[in-house]
């Protein structure tokens, strides 16, 4: 009966999630971005490790339902994260053809790789942090791995060809701009297993970066992964593999979690952060900038924003207007009432929306 239940689950999952799509040509990874460890082909066994969620799940939420389906799929396949203590960050691809999971504490070693497997069991890949973190310099200073530096699935490309995986930074302490912090970004070609190292900090415990991927999947916007790079942020074009570095005309800091690309993806609006020592050390927004990625023109649309009056770009309504809110879209723990405005990026006029 147990075997029959697992098979039934797999049939249901496949019928729900597997959709047909055309096979795309593989893009050649440019020299300098390539890192192709030997793909790990995994045996298929009947043993199934314990699967645990990394976040609190609520039965009424879509996220919980999605996790339950991924959980059932992993159990039915029976080949996910063998010899790992737990399975974390379990995800199904949007097209239902792939399942990804962080294999926590694999084989009792200080490493938690990402396993990516096709639902039809024909392809299995693993991404190990150790393939990217070590170098002769780091080996010399005695760097060791930590199982808490797990590789996690971050973003599935819309064409179904790639999975972007990250390793989050565990740097702690004060004085961060609220938002994500990473130490590694890798793009996995799901069909071939090719791994392209996109961003990697020069020393994993000494720097961080953040990034977003454009709606079209063509552009990667990111902050510098190394202290040796002086630009404020950069834009990588996945079609040409050219990188455009952006240097702000004002001395401010940015975080890509707050950046919003225009519908044509030729302009970006983002808040500019300044560090203040008083009353306690923290970052706050003091202006909002518009940057034309084609002409490289920079324009401060709103300036002299006080810490208690911070506002944030939420989304472009069209190629001219942007929705603005007083609620932090990345991290907010306040109980204030939301106010919204429409910002005209041409006239710089800010008009409040009526409830």
Protein backbone atom coordinates (compact mmCIF):
# COMPACT_ATOMS: atom_id res chain seq x y z
CA UNK A 1 0.00 0.00 0.00
CA UNK A 2 2.87 2.33 0.75
CA UNK A 3 4.40 1.79 -2.67
CA UNK A 4 1.03 2.32 -4.36
CA UNK A 5 0.55 5.65 -2.52
CA UNK A 6 3.92 7.02 -3.61
CA UNK A 7 3.24 6.09 -7.22
CA UNK A 8 -0.14 7.74 -7.11
CA UNK A 9 1.39 10.90 -5.70
CA UNK A 10 3.96 11.01 -8.48
CA UNK A 11 1.28 10.55 -11.15
CA UNK A 12 -0.75 13.39 -9.67
CA UNK A 13 2.29 15.66 -9.50
CA UNK A 14 3.32 14.88 -13.04
CA UNK A 15 -0.18 15.41 -14.38
CA UNK A 16 -0.43 18.74 -12.61
CA UNK A 17 2.96 20.21 -13.24
CA UNK A 18 4.51 18.72 -16.38
CA UNK A 19 3.88 20.92 -19.37
CA UNK A 20 5.46 20.75 -22.77
CA UNK A 21 7.96 23.33 -23.94
CA UNK A 22 10.34 23.71 -26.85
CA UNK A 23 13.96 22.81 -26.29
CA UNK A 24 16.12 25.93 -26.40
CA UNK A 25 19.65 26.16 -27.71
CA UNK A 26 22.40 26.24 -25.10
CA UNK A 27 24.13 29.60 -24.75
CA UNK A 28 27.91 29.39 -24.69
CA UNK A 29 29.32 30.63 -21.39
CA UNK A 30 32.08 33.21 -21.95
CA UNK A 31 35.63 32.65 -20.84
CA UNK A 32 36.13 33.71 -17.25
CA UNK A 33 32.60 32.88 -16.13
CA UNK A 34 32.86 29.15 -16.62
CA UNK A 35 33.07 26.66 -13.80
CA UNK A 36 32.05 23.15 -14.67
CA UNK A 37 32.65 20.58 -11.93
CA UNK A 38 32.04 16.98 -12.94
CA UNK A 39 28.25 16.44 -12.80
CA UNK A 40 27.15 14.15 -10.00
CA UNK A 41 24.99 11.27 -11.23
CA UNK A 42 23.02 9.92 -8.31
CA UNK A 43 21.78 6.37 -7.77
CA UNK A 44 18.07 5.92 -7.27
CA UNK A 45 17.18 4.15 -4.06
CA UNK A 46 14.01 3.70 -2.08
CA UNK A 47 15.23 5.33 1.13
CA UNK A 48 13.81 8.80 1.70
CA UNK A 49 15.46 11.26 4.12
CA UNK A 50 13.51 13.50 6.44
CA UNK A 51 12.22 16.60 4.69
CA UNK A 52 11.95 19.77 6.73
CA UNK A 53 10.70 23.21 5.79
CA UNK A 54 12.95 26.20 6.40
CA UNK A 55 10.01 28.46 7.16
CA UNK A 56 6.78 28.24 9.09
CA UNK A 57 4.05 26.91 6.81
CA UNK A 58 0.41 27.87 7.07
CA UNK A 59 -2.23 25.49 5.69
CA UNK A 60 -4.20 28.29 4.04
CA UNK A 61 -1.24 29.73 2.12
CA UNK A 62 -0.25 29.06 -1.49
CA UNK A 63 3.36 28.70 -0.34
CA UNK A 64 2.37 25.90 2.01
CA UNK A 65 0.43 24.09 -0.72
CA UNK A 66 3.40 24.40 -3.09
CA UNK A 67 5.76 23.03 -0.44
CA UNK A 68 3.43 20.10 0.20
CA UNK A 69 3.43 19.21 -3.51
CA UNK A 70 7.23 19.49 -3.68
CA UNK A 71 7.48 17.38 -0.52
CA UNK A 72 5.25 14.67 -2.01
CA UNK A 73 7.21 14.74 -5.27
CA UNK A 74 10.54 14.33 -3.48
CA UNK A 75 9.17 11.44 -1.46
CA UNK A 76 7.80 9.72 -4.56
CA UNK A 77 11.05 10.11 -6.50
CA UNK A 78 13.07 8.73 -3.61
CA UNK A 79 16.41 10.08 -4.82
CA UNK A 80 16.55 13.53 -3.25
CA UNK A 81 19.48 14.30 -0.92
CA UNK A 82 20.46 10.74 -0.10
CA UNK A 83 22.78 10.53 2.94
CA UNK A 84 21.90 14.06 4.06
CA UNK A 85 20.58 14.84 7.51
CA UNK A 86 17.75 17.04 6.24
CA UNK A 87 16.27 18.49 3.07
CA UNK A 88 15.86 22.27 3.05
CA UNK A 89 14.69 24.88 0.53
CA UNK A 90 12.69 22.30 -1.41
CA UNK A 91 11.29 23.74 -4.66
CA UNK A 92 9.57 22.61 -7.83
CA UNK A 93 10.34 24.53 -11.02
CA UNK A 94 7.44 26.60 -12.41
CA UNK A 95 7.09 24.22 -15.39
CA UNK A 96 7.02 21.20 -13.07
CA UNK A 97 9.94 19.46 -14.77
CA UNK A 98 12.58 19.91 -12.07
CA UNK A 99 12.92 19.67 -8.32
CA UNK A 100 15.66 21.38 -6.30
CA UNK A 101 16.66 20.98 -2.67
CA UNK A 102 19.48 21.92 -0.34
CA UNK A 103 21.04 18.74 1.05
CA UNK A 104 21.85 19.80 4.58
CA UNK A 105 24.93 18.21 6.15
CA UNK A 106 25.64 15.76 3.35
CA UNK A 107 27.44 12.56 4.44
CA UNK A 108 28.16 14.12 7.82
CA UNK A 109 30.55 16.61 6.22
CA UNK A 110 30.59 20.37 6.61
CA UNK A 111 28.84 20.96 3.31
CA UNK A 112 25.25 21.44 2.17
CA UNK A 113 25.09 21.29 -1.66
CA UNK A 114 22.13 21.96 -3.91
CA UNK A 115 20.71 18.98 -5.76
CA UNK A 116 18.67 19.58 -8.91
CA UNK A 117 16.90 16.63 -10.50
CA UNK A 118 14.54 16.22 -13.42
CA UNK A 119 11.17 14.70 -12.63
CA UNK A 120 11.72 12.05 -15.31
CA UNK A 121 14.94 11.02 -13.48
CA UNK A 122 17.12 11.50 -16.56
CA UNK A 123 19.30 14.32 -15.20
CA UNK A 124 20.75 15.04 -11.78
CA UNK A 125 23.11 17.87 -10.88
CA UNK A 126 24.75 19.13 -7.71
CA UNK A 127 26.26 22.50 -6.89
CA UNK A 128 28.90 22.49 -4.17
CA UNK A 129 30.06 25.67 -2.44
CA UNK A 130 33.52 24.12 -2.12
CA UNK A 131 33.90 24.23 -5.93
CA UNK A 132 33.89 28.04 -5.73
CA UNK A 133 35.08 29.16 -2.34
CA UNK A 134 38.58 27.71 -2.22
CA UNK A 135 41.73 29.19 -3.71
CA UNK A 136 45.46 28.88 -2.90
CA UNK A 137 45.25 32.03 -0.78
CA UNK A 138 42.23 30.85 1.19
CA UNK A 139 43.73 27.40 1.64
CA UNK A 140 46.85 29.01 3.10
CA UNK A 141 44.93 30.92 5.76
CA UNK A 142 43.08 27.78 6.78
CA UNK A 143 39.56 28.45 5.54
CA UNK A 144 37.15 25.65 6.35
CA UNK A 145 33.65 24.85 5.17
CA UNK A 146 30.53 25.20 7.27
CA UNK A 147 27.38 23.15 6.69
CA UNK A 148 25.30 26.27 7.33
CA UNK A 149 26.62 27.78 4.08
CA UNK A 150 24.02 25.91 2.05
CA UNK A 151 23.50 26.41 -1.67
CA UNK A 152 19.85 27.32 -2.24
CA UNK A 153 17.64 27.71 -5.33
CA UNK A 154 16.91 31.38 -5.93
CA UNK A 155 15.32 31.91 -9.34
CA UNK A 156 14.08 29.76 -12.25
CA UNK A 157 14.35 31.41 -15.66
CA UNK A 158 11.06 31.87 -17.48
CA UNK A 159 12.20 29.86 -20.51
CA UNK A 160 12.87 26.86 -18.29
CA UNK A 161 16.55 26.63 -19.20
CA UNK A 162 18.32 27.89 -16.10
CA UNK A 163 18.27 27.87 -12.33
CA UNK A 164 20.09 30.60 -10.42
CA UNK A 165 21.46 29.39 -7.09
CA UNK A 166 22.95 31.37 -4.23
CA UNK A 167 24.83 31.08 -0.98
CA UNK A 168 23.66 33.59 1.58
CA UNK A 169 26.06 35.56 3.72
CA UNK A 170 26.11 34.84 7.44
CA UNK A 171 27.80 38.12 8.33
CA UNK A 172 26.07 39.61 11.32
CA UNK A 173 26.17 42.83 13.27
CA UNK A 174 24.78 46.31 12.87
CA UNK A 175 24.61 48.83 10.12
CA UNK A 176 23.23 46.95 7.13
CA UNK A 177 20.71 48.19 4.60
CA UNK A 178 17.76 45.84 5.20
CA UNK A 179 17.62 43.23 2.45
CA UNK A 180 19.31 40.15 1.07
CA UNK A 181 23.07 39.55 1.29
CA UNK A 182 24.89 36.90 -0.75
CA UNK A 183 28.40 35.50 -1.16
CA UNK A 184 27.88 33.40 -4.34
CA UNK A 185 25.64 33.39 -7.42
CA UNK A 186 25.79 30.50 -9.90
CA UNK A 187 23.68 29.85 -13.01
CA UNK A 188 22.94 26.20 -13.74
CA UNK A 189 22.04 25.03 -17.25
CA UNK A 190 19.33 22.51 -16.47
CA UNK A 191 19.80 20.47 -19.65
CA UNK A 192 23.60 20.19 -19.68
CA UNK A 193 24.56 20.69 -16.04
CA UNK A 194 26.95 23.50 -16.98
CA UNK A 195 27.58 25.86 -14.05
CA UNK A 196 28.48 29.50 -14.71
CA UNK A 197 29.92 31.43 -11.78
CA UNK A 198 28.35 34.88 -12.04
CA UNK A 199 29.25 36.54 -8.74
CA UNK A 200 31.58 35.43 -5.98
CA UNK A 201 32.95 37.49 -3.10
CA UNK A 202 36.71 37.77 -2.84
CA UNK A 203 36.59 36.45 0.71
CA UNK A 204 33.38 34.88 1.93
CA UNK A 205 33.38 36.41 5.41
CA UNK A 206 34.49 39.89 4.42
CA UNK A 207 32.06 41.12 1.76
CA UNK A 208 28.55 40.66 0.41
CA UNK A 209 26.56 41.56 -2.69
CA UNK A 210 22.91 41.78 -3.66
CA UNK A 211 21.19 41.49 -7.02
CA UNK A 212 17.98 41.33 -9.03
CA UNK A 213 17.13 39.77 -12.38
CA UNK A 214 15.03 41.76 -14.85
CA UNK A 215 11.50 40.74 -15.76
CA UNK A 216 12.68 39.64 -19.22
CA UNK A 217 15.53 37.59 -17.69
CA UNK A 218 17.96 39.49 -19.90
CA UNK A 219 19.68 41.65 -17.28
CA UNK A 220 21.38 41.03 -13.96
CA UNK A 221 21.73 44.10 -11.71
CA UNK A 222 24.17 43.67 -8.86
CA UNK A 223 26.35 45.46 -6.33
CA UNK A 224 30.13 44.84 -6.23
CA UNK A 225 31.15 41.43 -4.86
CA UNK A 226 34.65 42.74 -4.07
CA UNK A 227 36.03 45.69 -2.15
CA UNK A 228 38.39 46.23 -5.07
CA UNK A 229 35.49 47.26 -7.32
CA UNK A 230 34.47 50.88 -6.90
CA UNK A 231 31.24 51.10 -8.94
CA UNK A 232 27.92 51.43 -7.11
CA UNK A 233 26.18 48.77 -9.15
CA UNK A 234 26.49 47.10 -12.52
CA UNK A 235 24.26 45.62 -15.22
CA UNK A 236 25.16 42.36 -16.96
CA UNK A 237 23.47 41.66 -20.31
CA UNK A 238 23.00 37.90 -20.68
CA UNK A 239 22.63 38.24 -24.47
CA UNK A 240 25.92 40.04 -25.10
CA UNK A 241 27.71 39.21 -21.83
CA UNK A 242 28.70 42.86 -21.61
CA UNK A 243 28.72 44.56 -18.21
CA UNK A 244 27.90 48.24 -17.68
CA UNK A 245 29.24 49.73 -14.46
CA UNK A 246 27.28 52.56 -12.84
CA UNK A 247 29.06 55.19 -10.76
CA UNK A 248 26.72 57.49 -8.87
CA UNK A 249 27.43 61.21 -9.05
CA UNK A 250 26.58 61.52 -5.36
CA UNK A 251 28.22 59.60 -2.55
CA UNK A 252 25.42 57.25 -1.57
CA UNK A 253 24.79 53.52 -1.16
CA UNK A 254 22.30 51.32 -2.97
CA UNK A 255 20.65 47.95 -2.50
CA UNK A 256 19.28 46.13 -5.53
CA UNK A 257 16.30 44.72 -3.63
CA UNK A 258 14.83 48.22 -3.85
CA UNK A 259 15.67 48.90 -7.53
CA UNK A 260 12.87 48.86 -10.10
CA UNK A 261 13.49 48.55 -13.86
CA UNK A 262 11.17 50.37 -16.24
CA UNK A 263 8.87 48.34 -18.54
CA UNK A 264 11.34 48.77 -21.43
CA UNK A 265 14.21 47.94 -19.05
CA UNK A 266 16.16 51.00 -20.16
CA UNK A 267 15.80 52.96 -16.91
CA UNK A 268 16.05 52.10 -13.25
CA UNK A 269 14.61 53.97 -10.29
CA UNK A 270 16.05 53.31 -6.87
CA UNK A 271 16.40 54.90 -3.43
CA UNK A 272 19.79 56.18 -2.34
CA UNK A 273 20.87 55.41 1.21
CA UNK A 274 23.08 57.46 3.49
CA UNK A 275 24.64 56.34 6.75
CA UNK A 276 23.84 58.34 9.85
CA UNK A 277 25.69 58.08 13.15
CA UNK A 278 22.94 59.67 15.21
CA UNK A 279 20.97 58.73 17.18
CA UNK A 280 22.37 55.26 16.41
CA UNK A 281 24.32 54.07 13.40
CA UNK A 282 21.93 53.12 10.60
CA UNK A 283 21.17 53.66 6.92
CA UNK A 284 18.20 55.66 5.74
CA UNK A 285 16.93 56.91 2.39
CA UNK A 286 17.64 60.55 1.66
CA UNK A 287 16.81 60.65 -2.07
CA UNK A 288 15.37 58.74 -5.01
CA UNK A 289 17.28 58.59 -8.29
CA UNK A 290 16.45 57.76 -11.88
CA UNK A 291 19.24 56.37 -14.06
CA UNK A 292 18.97 56.02 -17.83
CA UNK A 293 20.94 52.90 -18.73
CA UNK A 294 21.24 53.91 -22.39
CA UNK A 295 22.36 57.53 -22.06
CA UNK A 296 23.83 57.04 -18.54
CA UNK A 297 22.09 60.21 -17.40
CA UNK A 298 21.36 60.43 -13.69
CA UNK A 299 18.58 62.48 -12.18
CA UNK A 300 17.63 62.96 -8.54
CA UNK A 301 13.83 62.96 -8.60
CA UNK A 302 13.29 63.48 -4.87
CA UNK A 303 15.87 64.71 -2.37
CA UNK A 304 16.19 65.76 1.27
CA UNK A 305 14.06 62.87 2.52
CA UNK A 306 14.08 62.76 6.31
CA UNK A 307 14.54 59.45 8.18
CA UNK A 308 10.98 59.59 9.52
CA UNK A 309 9.57 60.27 6.03
CA UNK A 310 11.23 57.54 4.00
CA UNK A 311 9.45 56.47 0.82
CA UNK A 312 10.11 53.62 -1.60
CA UNK A 313 9.55 52.89 -5.29
CA UNK A 314 7.12 49.98 -5.58
CA UNK A 315 6.48 49.47 -9.29
CA UNK A 316 6.36 51.20 -12.66
CA UNK A 317 2.78 51.89 -13.76
CA UNK A 318 3.92 52.78 -17.29
CA UNK A 319 7.12 54.11 -18.84
CA UNK A 320 6.65 57.46 -17.10
CA UNK A 321 4.93 56.91 -13.74
CA UNK A 322 6.05 55.01 -10.65
CA UNK A 323 4.03 53.94 -7.62
CA UNK A 324 5.61 55.15 -4.37
CA UNK A 325 4.82 53.97 -0.83
CA UNK A 326 5.86 54.81 2.72
CA UNK A 327 6.00 51.08 3.56
CA UNK A 328 9.34 49.33 3.07
CA UNK A 329 8.66 46.60 0.43
CA UNK A 330 11.70 44.57 1.50
CA UNK A 331 11.51 44.66 5.27
CA UNK A 332 8.95 46.41 7.43
CA UNK A 333 8.08 45.80 11.07
CA UNK A 334 6.16 48.99 11.74
CA UNK A 335 2.44 49.38 12.26
CA UNK A 336 2.05 52.65 10.36
CA UNK A 337 -0.77 53.22 7.92
CA UNK A 338 0.30 52.97 4.30
CA UNK A 339 0.26 56.00 2.05
CA UNK A 340 0.83 55.85 -1.69
CA UNK A 341 1.80 58.38 -4.33
CA UNK A 342 2.26 58.42 -8.08
CA UNK A 343 5.56 59.92 -9.17
CA UNK A 344 5.88 61.49 -12.60
CA UNK A 345 9.49 60.82 -13.58
CA UNK A 346 9.42 63.60 -16.19
CA UNK A 347 7.95 66.48 -14.18
CA UNK A 348 9.07 65.06 -10.80
CA UNK A 349 5.60 65.75 -9.45
CA UNK A 350 4.42 63.54 -6.61
CA UNK A 351 0.68 63.12 -6.34
CA UNK A 352 -0.85 61.24 -3.43
CA UNK A 353 -3.37 58.54 -4.21
CA UNK A 354 -6.70 58.78 -2.45
CA UNK A 355 -7.81 55.74 -0.43
